[in-house]
């Protein structure tokens, strides 16, 4: 079996320890606060610096996707090592990163016609994308071929969910994800939106009043999914995702582990620059996906 290397764009927010252990390479997004100076996510700006600016300077950042040339620069050295490529991207409904990777593939395949390059739309973002990515890693390590991994990922990625809330609707509104009127009403009434991310869609679940109730609702949403679908907790991997609110995340983790009867699968995924631009600093959620080898 020909070896292959696994890539993702940086919106997957996968913890550094997992990237290092499993030899995953991220192609960075860019962020700017002034429309002039752009910083590569994770390498030229840290999450801490990003959130410090976001909270203290009250500016709204803009993100920029990896270019076609960025992907070529990352992919080509791997091809020259006689390895194939699997790259999992942020859902194309949120970004053009997937198309950049596809265009890079087309260019490289003209130069290296024997190279196999699989580009997959994760239909997810942040930790949802990250746990889809980890399933691909596990399959590679279990001996799956590139084609087998791609096919199985496309089968299981629709089972990925993020059940989350944000502390303010301001960032979603500025990012064009909700209307300004909705944002104003939510702020005035102290309403916290409960949102589900599935199949590349942000689906409003409900609004609750106050942060404490919103945190509990995340757990209720998770339990309702398994009750309504009849799925089993043991067939799923779980993780927590947060921006800056570790205290809330620790509470959700303890309650979630009680619900599913075991420890969560991964370390906490911190929402990074790309997705944090839209969620703001108060986002927290539960993320899960059906295991690739679940019966």
C-alpha atoms as a PDB file:
ATOM      1  CA  UNK A   1       0.000   0.000   0.000  1.00  0.00           C
ATOM      2  CA  UNK A   2       1.339   3.409  -0.979  1.00  0.00           C
ATOM      3  CA  UNK A   3       1.722   5.740   1.989  1.00  0.00           C
ATOM      4  CA  UNK A   4      -0.288   8.937   2.242  1.00  0.00           C
ATOM      5  CA  UNK A   5      -0.089  12.073   4.347  1.00  0.00           C
ATOM      6  CA  UNK A   6      -3.061  13.726   6.035  1.00  0.00           C
ATOM      7  CA  UNK A   7      -3.644  17.468   5.799  1.00  0.00           C
ATOM      8  CA  UNK A   8      -6.356  19.839   6.946  1.00  0.00           C
ATOM      9  CA  UNK A   9      -6.816  23.560   6.861  1.00  0.00           C
ATOM     10  CA  UNK A  10      -6.344  25.281  10.203  1.00  0.00           C
ATOM     11  CA  UNK A  11     -10.058  25.785  10.872  1.00  0.00           C
ATOM     12  CA  UNK A  12     -10.182  22.248  12.318  1.00  0.00           C
ATOM     13  CA  UNK A  13      -8.773  23.621  15.616  1.00  0.00           C
ATOM     14  CA  UNK A  14      -7.157  20.270  16.416  1.00  0.00           C
ATOM     15  CA  UNK A  15      -4.983  20.433  19.568  1.00  0.00           C
ATOM     16  CA  UNK A  16      -1.253  20.599  18.925  1.00  0.00           C
ATOM     17  CA  UNK A  17      -0.597  17.396  20.846  1.00  0.00           C
ATOM     18  CA  UNK A  18      -2.821  15.444  18.444  1.00  0.00           C
ATOM     19  CA  UNK A  19      -1.194  17.049  15.404  1.00  0.00           C
ATOM     20  CA  UNK A  20       2.239  16.093  16.685  1.00  0.00           C
ATOM     21  CA  UNK A  21       1.414  12.536  17.746  1.00  0.00           C
ATOM     22  CA  UNK A  22      -0.360  11.686  14.502  1.00  0.00           C
ATOM     23  CA  UNK A  23       1.801  13.684  12.059  1.00  0.00           C
ATOM     24  CA  UNK A  24      -1.013  15.871  10.729  1.00  0.00           C
ATOM     25  CA  UNK A  25      -0.165  19.001   8.743  1.00  0.00           C
ATOM     26  CA  UNK A  26      -2.359  22.117   8.781  1.00  0.00           C
ATOM     27  CA  UNK A  27      -2.542  24.679   5.995  1.00  0.00           C
ATOM     28  CA  UNK A  28      -3.218  28.024   7.702  1.00  0.00           C
ATOM     29  CA  UNK A  29      -5.967  30.553   7.214  1.00  0.00           C
ATOM     30  CA  UNK A  30      -5.101  34.236   7.616  1.00  0.00           C
ATOM     31  CA  UNK A  31      -6.592  36.930   9.833  1.00  0.00           C
ATOM     32  CA  UNK A  32      -6.408  40.710   9.714  1.00  0.00           C
ATOM     33  CA  UNK A  33      -7.605  43.400  12.096  1.00  0.00           C
ATOM     34  CA  UNK A  34      -6.848  46.376   9.834  1.00  0.00           C
ATOM     35  CA  UNK A  35      -7.257  45.007   6.273  1.00  0.00           C
ATOM     36  CA  UNK A  36      -3.520  45.547   5.692  1.00  0.00           C
ATOM     37  CA  UNK A  37      -1.537  43.190   7.914  1.00  0.00           C
ATOM     38  CA  UNK A  38      -2.429  39.513   7.606  1.00  0.00           C
ATOM     39  CA  UNK A  39      -1.279  36.844  10.054  1.00  0.00           C
ATOM     40  CA  UNK A  40      -1.137  33.084   9.533  1.00  0.00           C
ATOM     41  CA  UNK A  41      -3.298  31.205  12.015  1.00  0.00           C
ATOM     42  CA  UNK A  42      -1.301  29.298  14.650  1.00  0.00           C
ATOM     43  CA  UNK A  43       2.109  30.346  13.330  1.00  0.00           C
ATOM     44  CA  UNK A  44       2.021  34.157  13.243  1.00  0.00           C
ATOM     45  CA  UNK A  45      -0.777  34.745  15.743  1.00  0.00           C
ATOM     46  CA  UNK A  46      -1.782  32.631  18.726  1.00  0.00           C
ATOM     47  CA  UNK A  47      -5.308  32.045  19.936  1.00  0.00           C
ATOM     48  CA  UNK A  48      -4.525  33.967  23.119  1.00  0.00           C
ATOM     49  CA  UNK A  49      -3.315  37.008  21.187  1.00  0.00           C
ATOM     50  CA  UNK A  50      -6.343  36.841  18.897  1.00  0.00           C
ATOM     51  CA  UNK A  51      -8.853  36.787  21.757  1.00  0.00           C
ATOM     52  CA  UNK A  52      -6.948  39.492  23.646  1.00  0.00           C
ATOM     53  CA  UNK A  53      -7.349  41.810  20.666  1.00  0.00           C
ATOM     54  CA  UNK A  54     -10.953  40.750  20.134  1.00  0.00           C
ATOM     55  CA  UNK A  55     -11.984  41.491  23.720  1.00  0.00           C
ATOM     56  CA  UNK A  56      -9.809  44.496  24.525  1.00  0.00           C
ATOM     57  CA  UNK A  57      -9.696  46.471  21.287  1.00  0.00           C
ATOM     58  CA  UNK A  58     -13.293  45.850  20.180  1.00  0.00           C
ATOM     59  CA  UNK A  59     -12.351  45.341  16.553  1.00  0.00           C
ATOM     60  CA  UNK A  60     -13.968  42.904  14.160  1.00  0.00           C
ATOM     61  CA  UNK A  61     -11.354  40.798  12.343  1.00  0.00           C
ATOM     62  CA  UNK A  62     -11.533  39.453   8.817  1.00  0.00           C
ATOM     63  CA  UNK A  63     -10.258  36.076   7.699  1.00  0.00           C
ATOM     64  CA  UNK A  64      -8.714  35.027   4.411  1.00  0.00           C
ATOM     65  CA  UNK A  65      -8.552  31.493   3.066  1.00  0.00           C
ATOM     66  CA  UNK A  66      -5.420  29.572   2.057  1.00  0.00           C
ATOM     67  CA  UNK A  67      -4.575  30.280  -1.564  1.00  0.00           C
ATOM     68  CA  UNK A  68      -4.115  27.712  -4.302  1.00  0.00           C
ATOM     69  CA  UNK A  69      -0.383  28.388  -4.113  1.00  0.00           C
ATOM     70  CA  UNK A  70      -0.423  27.813  -0.350  1.00  0.00           C
ATOM     71  CA  UNK A  71      -1.819  24.333  -0.905  1.00  0.00           C
ATOM     72  CA  UNK A  72       0.684  23.623  -3.678  1.00  0.00           C
ATOM     73  CA  UNK A  73       3.526  24.675  -1.379  1.00  0.00           C
ATOM     74  CA  UNK A  74       2.354  22.217   1.276  1.00  0.00           C
ATOM     75  CA  UNK A  75       1.392  19.346  -1.021  1.00  0.00           C
ATOM     76  CA  UNK A  76       4.307  19.255  -3.454  1.00  0.00           C
ATOM     77  CA  UNK A  77       7.086  18.252  -1.001  1.00  0.00           C
ATOM     78  CA  UNK A  78       4.956  15.292   0.113  1.00  0.00           C
ATOM     79  CA  UNK A  79       4.403  14.199  -3.483  1.00  0.00           C
ATOM     80  CA  UNK A  80       8.170  14.381  -4.050  1.00  0.00           C
ATOM     81  CA  UNK A  81       8.527  11.894  -1.183  1.00  0.00           C
ATOM     82  CA  UNK A  82       6.370   9.485  -3.233  1.00  0.00           C
ATOM     83  CA  UNK A  83       3.409   9.822  -0.881  1.00  0.00           C
ATOM     84  CA  UNK A  84      -0.225  10.443  -1.705  1.00  0.00           C
ATOM     85  CA  UNK A  85      -2.401  13.056   0.010  1.00  0.00           C
ATOM     86  CA  UNK A  86      -5.688  13.246   1.869  1.00  0.00           C
ATOM     87  CA  UNK A  87      -6.823  16.754   2.770  1.00  0.00           C
ATOM     88  CA  UNK A  88      -9.933  17.524   4.823  1.00  0.00           C
ATOM     89  CA  UNK A  89     -11.248  21.076   4.496  1.00  0.00           C
ATOM     90  CA  UNK A  90     -13.653  23.441   6.195  1.00  0.00           C
ATOM     91  CA  UNK A  91     -17.100  23.074   4.660  1.00  0.00           C
ATOM     92  CA  UNK A  92     -17.271  24.918   1.368  1.00  0.00           C
ATOM     93  CA  UNK A  93     -20.510  26.553   2.522  1.00  0.00           C
ATOM     94  CA  UNK A  94     -18.398  28.630   4.916  1.00  0.00           C
ATOM     95  CA  UNK A  95     -15.225  29.149   2.896  1.00  0.00           C
ATOM     96  CA  UNK A  96     -13.452  28.707  -0.421  1.00  0.00           C
ATOM     97  CA  UNK A  97     -10.611  26.747   1.196  1.00  0.00           C
ATOM     98  CA  UNK A  98     -11.937  23.482  -0.241  1.00  0.00           C
ATOM     99  CA  UNK A  99     -11.947  24.912  -3.766  1.00  0.00           C
ATOM    100  CA  UNK A 100      -8.398  26.231  -3.333  1.00  0.00           C
ATOM    101  CA  UNK A 101      -7.288  22.719  -2.408  1.00  0.00           C
ATOM    102  CA  UNK A 102      -9.162  21.212  -5.376  1.00  0.00           C
ATOM    103  CA  UNK A 103      -7.532  23.698  -7.755  1.00  0.00           C
ATOM    104  CA  UNK A 104      -4.114  22.897  -6.289  1.00  0.00           C
ATOM    105  CA  UNK A 105      -4.809  19.213  -6.871  1.00  0.00           C
ATOM    106  CA  UNK A 106      -5.659  19.835 -10.541  1.00  0.00           C
ATOM    107  CA  UNK A 107      -2.439  21.779 -11.080  1.00  0.00           C
ATOM    108  CA  UNK A 108      -0.285  19.210  -9.301  1.00  0.00           C
ATOM    109  CA  UNK A 109      -1.867  16.286 -11.120  1.00  0.00           C
ATOM    110  CA  UNK A 110      -0.795  17.821 -14.425  1.00  0.00           C
ATOM    111  CA  UNK A 111       2.789  17.856 -13.158  1.00  0.00           C
ATOM    112  CA  UNK A 112       2.591  14.578 -11.210  1.00  0.00           C
ATOM    113  CA  UNK A 113      -0.062  12.427 -12.926  1.00  0.00           C
ATOM    114  CA  UNK A 114       0.635   9.399 -10.730  1.00  0.00           C
ATOM    115  CA  UNK A 115       0.027  11.254  -7.469  1.00  0.00           C
ATOM    116  CA  UNK A 116      -3.271  10.531  -5.757  1.00  0.00           C
ATOM    117  CA  UNK A 117      -4.727  13.569  -4.003  1.00  0.00           C
ATOM    118  CA  UNK A 118      -8.071  13.280  -2.199  1.00  0.00           C
ATOM    119  CA  UNK A 119      -9.756  16.533  -1.164  1.00  0.00           C
ATOM    120  CA  UNK A 120     -12.731  16.094   1.171  1.00  0.00           C
ATOM    121  CA  UNK A 121     -15.334  18.640   2.240  1.00  0.00           C
ATOM    122  CA  UNK A 122     -15.754  17.938   5.962  1.00  0.00           C
ATOM    123  CA  UNK A 123     -19.250  19.552   5.974  1.00  0.00           C
ATOM    124  CA  UNK A 124     -18.139  20.759   9.405  1.00  0.00           C
ATOM    125  CA  UNK A 125     -16.067  23.417  11.153  1.00  0.00           C
ATOM    126  CA  UNK A 126     -13.819  23.778  14.201  1.00  0.00           C
ATOM    127  CA  UNK A 127     -13.982  20.663  16.430  1.00  0.00           C
ATOM    128  CA  UNK A 128     -16.572  19.067  14.140  1.00  0.00           C
ATOM    129  CA  UNK A 129     -14.034  19.188  11.347  1.00  0.00           C
ATOM    130  CA  UNK A 130     -11.355  18.130  13.818  1.00  0.00           C
ATOM    131  CA  UNK A 131     -13.066  14.933  14.906  1.00  0.00           C
ATOM    132  CA  UNK A 132     -13.824  13.989  11.305  1.00  0.00           C
ATOM    133  CA  UNK A 133     -10.102  14.489  10.717  1.00  0.00           C
ATOM    134  CA  UNK A 134      -9.226  12.218  13.637  1.00  0.00           C
ATOM    135  CA  UNK A 135     -11.368   9.421  12.214  1.00  0.00           C
ATOM    136  CA  UNK A 136      -9.320   9.656   9.006  1.00  0.00           C
ATOM    137  CA  UNK A 137      -6.140   9.454  11.061  1.00  0.00           C
ATOM    138  CA  UNK A 138      -7.346   6.368  12.902  1.00  0.00           C
ATOM    139  CA  UNK A 139      -8.219   4.664   9.628  1.00  0.00           C
ATOM    140  CA  UNK A 140      -4.813   5.399   8.145  1.00  0.00           C
ATOM    141  CA  UNK A 141      -3.142   4.024  11.268  1.00  0.00           C
ATOM    142  CA  UNK A 142      -5.365   0.928  11.088  1.00  0.00           C
ATOM    143  CA  UNK A 143      -4.101   0.200   7.574  1.00  0.00           C
ATOM    144  CA  UNK A 144      -6.897   1.639   5.441  1.00  0.00           C
ATOM    145  CA  UNK A 145      -5.866   2.674   1.936  1.00  0.00           C
ATOM    146  CA  UNK A 146      -6.375   6.243   0.780  1.00  0.00           C
ATOM    147  CA  UNK A 147      -9.471   5.232  -1.170  1.00  0.00           C
ATOM    148  CA  UNK A 148     -10.912   3.258   1.746  1.00  0.00           C
ATOM    149  CA  UNK A 149     -10.369   6.158   4.128  1.00  0.00           C
ATOM    150  CA  UNK A 150     -11.949   8.669   1.752  1.00  0.00           C
ATOM    151  CA  UNK A 151     -14.987   6.466   1.188  1.00  0.00           C
ATOM    152  CA  UNK A 152     -15.544   5.770   4.882  1.00  0.00           C
ATOM    153  CA  UNK A 153     -15.119   9.432   5.838  1.00  0.00           C
ATOM    154  CA  UNK A 154     -17.798  10.384   3.339  1.00  0.00           C
ATOM    155  CA  UNK A 155     -20.074   7.789   4.946  1.00  0.00           C
ATOM    156  CA  UNK A 156     -19.613   8.903   8.560  1.00  0.00           C
ATOM    157  CA  UNK A 157     -19.123  12.668   8.292  1.00  0.00           C
ATOM    158  CA  UNK A 158     -22.910  13.333   8.240  1.00  0.00           C
ATOM    159  CA  UNK A 159     -23.060  11.936  11.794  1.00  0.00           C
ATOM    160  CA  UNK A 160     -20.832  14.728  13.137  1.00  0.00           C
ATOM    161  CA  UNK A 161     -22.577  17.345  15.269  1.00  0.00           C
ATOM    162  CA  UNK A 162     -21.684  20.376  17.341  1.00  0.00           C
ATOM    163  CA  UNK A 163     -24.256  21.466  19.932  1.00  0.00           C
ATOM    164  CA  UNK A 164     -23.181  24.911  21.104  1.00  0.00           C
ATOM    165  CA  UNK A 165     -24.017  28.343  22.386  1.00  0.00           C
ATOM    166  CA  UNK A 166     -22.354  31.743  22.123  1.00  0.00           C
ATOM    167  CA  UNK A 167     -22.259  34.430  24.767  1.00  0.00           C
ATOM    168  CA  UNK A 168     -23.286  37.184  22.378  1.00  0.00           C
ATOM    169  CA  UNK A 169     -24.867  37.267  18.930  1.00  0.00           C
ATOM    170  CA  UNK A 170     -22.690  40.232  17.961  1.00  0.00           C
ATOM    171  CA  UNK A 171     -20.003  38.263  16.112  1.00  0.00           C
ATOM    172  CA  UNK A 172     -22.430  36.033  14.222  1.00  0.00           C
ATOM    173  CA  UNK A 173     -24.285  39.168  13.119  1.00  0.00           C
ATOM    174  CA  UNK A 174     -21.142  41.000  12.003  1.00  0.00           C
ATOM    175  CA  UNK A 175     -20.009  37.905  10.168  1.00  0.00           C
ATOM    176  CA  UNK A 176     -23.296  37.756   8.278  1.00  0.00           C
ATOM    177  CA  UNK A 177     -24.524  34.554   9.934  1.00  0.00           C
ATOM    178  CA  UNK A 178     -27.648  36.137  11.480  1.00  0.00           C
ATOM    179  CA  UNK A 179     -29.550  39.365  11.000  1.00  0.00           C
ATOM    180  CA  UNK A 180     -28.691  42.527  12.933  1.00  0.00           C
ATOM    181  CA  UNK A 181     -32.242  42.826  14.259  1.00  0.00           C
ATOM    182  CA  UNK A 182     -32.035  39.338  15.721  1.00  0.00           C
ATOM    183  CA  UNK A 183     -28.698  40.239  17.279  1.00  0.00           C
ATOM    184  CA  UNK A 184     -30.069  43.418  18.880  1.00  0.00           C
ATOM    185  CA  UNK A 185     -33.129  41.647  20.261  1.00  0.00           C
ATOM    186  CA  UNK A 186     -31.010  38.839  21.645  1.00  0.00           C
ATOM    187  CA  UNK A 187     -28.650  41.238  23.384  1.00  0.00           C
ATOM    188  CA  UNK A 188     -31.450  43.292  24.926  1.00  0.00           C
ATOM    189  CA  UNK A 189     -33.254  40.214  26.248  1.00  0.00           C
ATOM    190  CA  UNK A 190     -30.086  38.385  27.378  1.00  0.00           C
ATOM    191  CA  UNK A 191     -31.058  35.525  25.095  1.00  0.00           C
ATOM    192  CA  UNK A 192     -28.457  32.887  24.370  1.00  0.00           C
ATOM    193  CA  UNK A 193     -28.897  31.100  21.038  1.00  0.00           C
ATOM    194  CA  UNK A 194     -28.641  27.327  21.027  1.00  0.00           C
ATOM    195  CA  UNK A 195     -27.260  26.191  17.694  1.00  0.00           C
ATOM    196  CA  UNK A 196     -26.559  22.858  16.046  1.00  0.00           C
ATOM    197  CA  UNK A 197     -23.980  22.514  13.283  1.00  0.00           C
ATOM    198  CA  UNK A 198     -24.715  19.552  11.036  1.00  0.00           C
ATOM    199  CA  UNK A 199     -24.286  18.869   7.325  1.00  0.00           C
ATOM    200  CA  UNK A 200     -22.672  22.284   6.811  1.00  0.00           C
ATOM    201  CA  UNK A 201     -25.709  24.112   8.213  1.00  0.00           C
ATOM    202  CA  UNK A 202     -26.064  26.262  11.329  1.00  0.00           C
ATOM    203  CA  UNK A 203     -29.460  25.209  12.614  1.00  0.00           C
ATOM    204  CA  UNK A 204     -31.170  27.328  15.315  1.00  0.00           C
ATOM    205  CA  UNK A 205     -32.324  25.032  18.103  1.00  0.00           C
ATOM    206  CA  UNK A 206     -33.840  27.431  20.613  1.00  0.00           C
ATOM    207  CA  UNK A 207     -33.126  30.538  22.654  1.00  0.00           C
ATOM    208  CA  UNK A 208     -32.713  30.437  26.411  1.00  0.00           C
ATOM    209  CA  UNK A 209     -32.322  33.293  28.846  1.00  0.00           C
ATOM    210  CA  UNK A 210     -29.019  33.485  30.652  1.00  0.00           C
ATOM    211  CA  UNK A 211     -25.668  31.775  30.393  1.00  0.00           C
ATOM    212  CA  UNK A 212     -26.272  29.127  33.058  1.00  0.00           C
ATOM    213  CA  UNK A 213     -29.383  27.792  31.318  1.00  0.00           C
ATOM    214  CA  UNK A 214     -27.575  27.846  27.973  1.00  0.00           C
ATOM    215  CA  UNK A 215     -24.772  25.676  29.327  1.00  0.00           C
ATOM    216  CA  UNK A 216     -27.275  23.117  30.616  1.00  0.00           C
ATOM    217  CA  UNK A 217     -29.153  23.192  27.313  1.00  0.00           C
ATOM    218  CA  UNK A 218     -26.032  22.026  25.461  1.00  0.00           C
ATOM    219  CA  UNK A 219     -26.208  18.805  27.457  1.00  0.00           C
ATOM    220  CA  UNK A 220     -29.957  18.501  26.895  1.00  0.00           C
ATOM    221  CA  UNK A 221     -29.464  18.856  23.130  1.00  0.00           C
ATOM    222  CA  UNK A 222     -26.834  16.136  23.163  1.00  0.00           C
ATOM    223  CA  UNK A 223     -29.026  13.747  25.132  1.00  0.00           C
ATOM    224  CA  UNK A 224     -31.997  14.475  22.866  1.00  0.00           C
ATOM    225  CA  UNK A 225     -29.979  13.547  19.781  1.00  0.00           C
ATOM    226  CA  UNK A 226     -29.235  10.075  21.107  1.00  0.00           C
ATOM    227  CA  UNK A 227     -32.753   9.595  22.450  1.00  0.00           C
ATOM    228  CA  UNK A 228     -34.379  10.596  19.167  1.00  0.00           C
ATOM    229  CA  UNK A 229     -32.014   8.685  16.864  1.00  0.00           C
ATOM    230  CA  UNK A 230     -31.624   5.573  19.000  1.00  0.00           C
ATOM    231  CA  UNK A 231     -27.861   5.776  18.566  1.00  0.00           C
ATOM    232  CA  UNK A 232     -25.584   4.467  21.321  1.00  0.00           C
ATOM    233  CA  UNK A 233     -23.072   6.608  23.206  1.00  0.00           C
ATOM    234  CA  UNK A 234     -20.444   3.859  22.946  1.00  0.00           C
ATOM    235  CA  UNK A 235     -20.505   4.095  19.140  1.00  0.00           C
ATOM    236  CA  UNK A 236     -19.444   7.760  19.199  1.00  0.00           C
ATOM    237  CA  UNK A 237     -16.343   9.794  19.958  1.00  0.00           C
ATOM    238  CA  UNK A 238     -16.885  12.999  21.954  1.00  0.00           C
ATOM    239  CA  UNK A 239     -15.007  16.210  22.606  1.00  0.00           C
ATOM    240  CA  UNK A 240     -15.572  19.664  24.053  1.00  0.00           C
ATOM    241  CA  UNK A 241     -15.011  22.874  22.141  1.00  0.00           C
ATOM    242  CA  UNK A 242     -14.599  26.328  23.633  1.00  0.00           C
ATOM    243  CA  UNK A 243     -13.176  29.757  22.943  1.00  0.00           C
ATOM    244  CA  UNK A 244     -12.047  31.259  26.258  1.00  0.00           C
ATOM    245  CA  UNK A 245     -14.483  29.965  28.887  1.00  0.00           C
ATOM    246  CA  UNK A 246     -12.684  26.988  30.411  1.00  0.00           C
ATOM    247  CA  UNK A 247     -14.729  27.057  33.617  1.00  0.00           C
ATOM    248  CA  UNK A 248     -17.952  26.512  31.672  1.00  0.00           C
ATOM    249  CA  UNK A 249     -16.248  23.875  29.544  1.00  0.00           C
ATOM    250  CA  UNK A 250     -15.033  21.952  32.580  1.00  0.00           C
ATOM    251  CA  UNK A 251     -18.588  21.897  33.942  1.00  0.00           C
ATOM    252  CA  UNK A 252     -19.975  20.626  30.632  1.00  0.00           C
ATOM    253  CA  UNK A 253     -17.251  17.985  30.479  1.00  0.00           C
ATOM    254  CA  UNK A 254     -18.044  16.606  33.924  1.00  0.00           C
ATOM    255  CA  UNK A 255     -21.758  16.462  33.138  1.00  0.00           C
ATOM    256  CA  UNK A 256     -21.203  14.948  29.692  1.00  0.00           C
ATOM    257  CA  UNK A 257     -18.951  12.224  31.071  1.00  0.00           C
ATOM    258  CA  UNK A 258     -21.671  11.368  33.549  1.00  0.00           C
ATOM    259  CA  UNK A 259     -24.189  11.172  30.720  1.00  0.00           C
ATOM    260  CA  UNK A 260     -22.136   8.921  28.429  1.00  0.00           C
ATOM    261  CA  UNK A 261     -20.596   6.870  31.230  1.00  0.00           C
ATOM    262  CA  UNK A 262     -16.930   7.387  30.317  1.00  0.00           C
ATOM    263  CA  UNK A 263     -14.232   9.961  29.721  1.00  0.00           C
ATOM    264  CA  UNK A 264     -14.477  12.068  26.582  1.00  0.00           C
ATOM    265  CA  UNK A 265     -12.234  10.954  23.752  1.00  0.00           C
ATOM    266  CA  UNK A 266     -10.070  14.017  23.153  1.00  0.00           C
ATOM    267  CA  UNK A 267      -8.544  17.028  24.868  1.00  0.00           C
ATOM    268  CA  UNK A 268     -10.610  20.220  24.639  1.00  0.00           C
ATOM    269  CA  UNK A 269     -10.526  21.817  21.184  1.00  0.00           C
ATOM    270  CA  UNK A 270     -10.064  25.583  21.433  1.00  0.00           C
ATOM    271  CA  UNK A 271     -11.873  27.554  18.757  1.00  0.00           C
ATOM    272  CA  UNK A 272      -9.165  29.295  16.796  1.00  0.00           C
ATOM    273  CA  UNK A 273      -8.839  32.427  14.740  1.00  0.00           C
ATOM    274  CA  UNK A 274     -10.893  31.388  11.707  1.00  0.00           C
ATOM    275  CA  UNK A 275     -14.053  30.278  13.502  1.00  0.00           C
ATOM    276  CA  UNK A 276     -13.548  32.499  16.564  1.00  0.00           C
ATOM    277  CA  UNK A 277     -14.047  35.489  14.274  1.00  0.00           C
ATOM    278  CA  UNK A 278     -17.697  34.419  13.988  1.00  0.00           C
ATOM    279  CA  UNK A 279     -18.388  32.931  17.427  1.00  0.00           C
ATOM    280  CA  UNK A 280     -16.577  35.425  19.627  1.00  0.00           C
ATOM    281  CA  UNK A 281     -14.881  34.616  22.941  1.00  0.00           C
ATOM    282  CA  UNK A 282     -17.828  33.038  24.785  1.00  0.00           C
ATOM    283  CA  UNK A 283     -18.587  30.006  22.622  1.00  0.00           C
ATOM    284  CA  UNK A 284     -18.763  26.542  24.189  1.00  0.00           C
ATOM    285  CA  UNK A 285     -20.171  23.272  22.919  1.00  0.00           C
ATOM    286  CA  UNK A 286     -20.241  19.489  22.715  1.00  0.00           C
ATOM    287  CA  UNK A 287     -19.065  17.741  19.570  1.00  0.00           C
ATOM    288  CA  UNK A 288     -19.432  14.114  18.540  1.00  0.00           C
ATOM    289  CA  UNK A 289     -19.163  11.725  15.590  1.00  0.00           C
ATOM    290  CA  UNK A 290     -19.887   8.075  14.948  1.00  0.00           C
ATOM    291  CA  UNK A 291     -16.690   6.023  15.161  1.00  0.00           C
ATOM    292  CA  UNK A 292     -15.396   4.745  11.843  1.00  0.00           C
ATOM    293  CA  UNK A 293     -15.397   1.154  13.118  1.00  0.00           C
ATOM    294  CA  UNK A 294     -18.733   1.211  14.967  1.00  0.00           C
ATOM    295  CA  UNK A 295     -20.892  -1.764  14.044  1.00  0.00           C
END
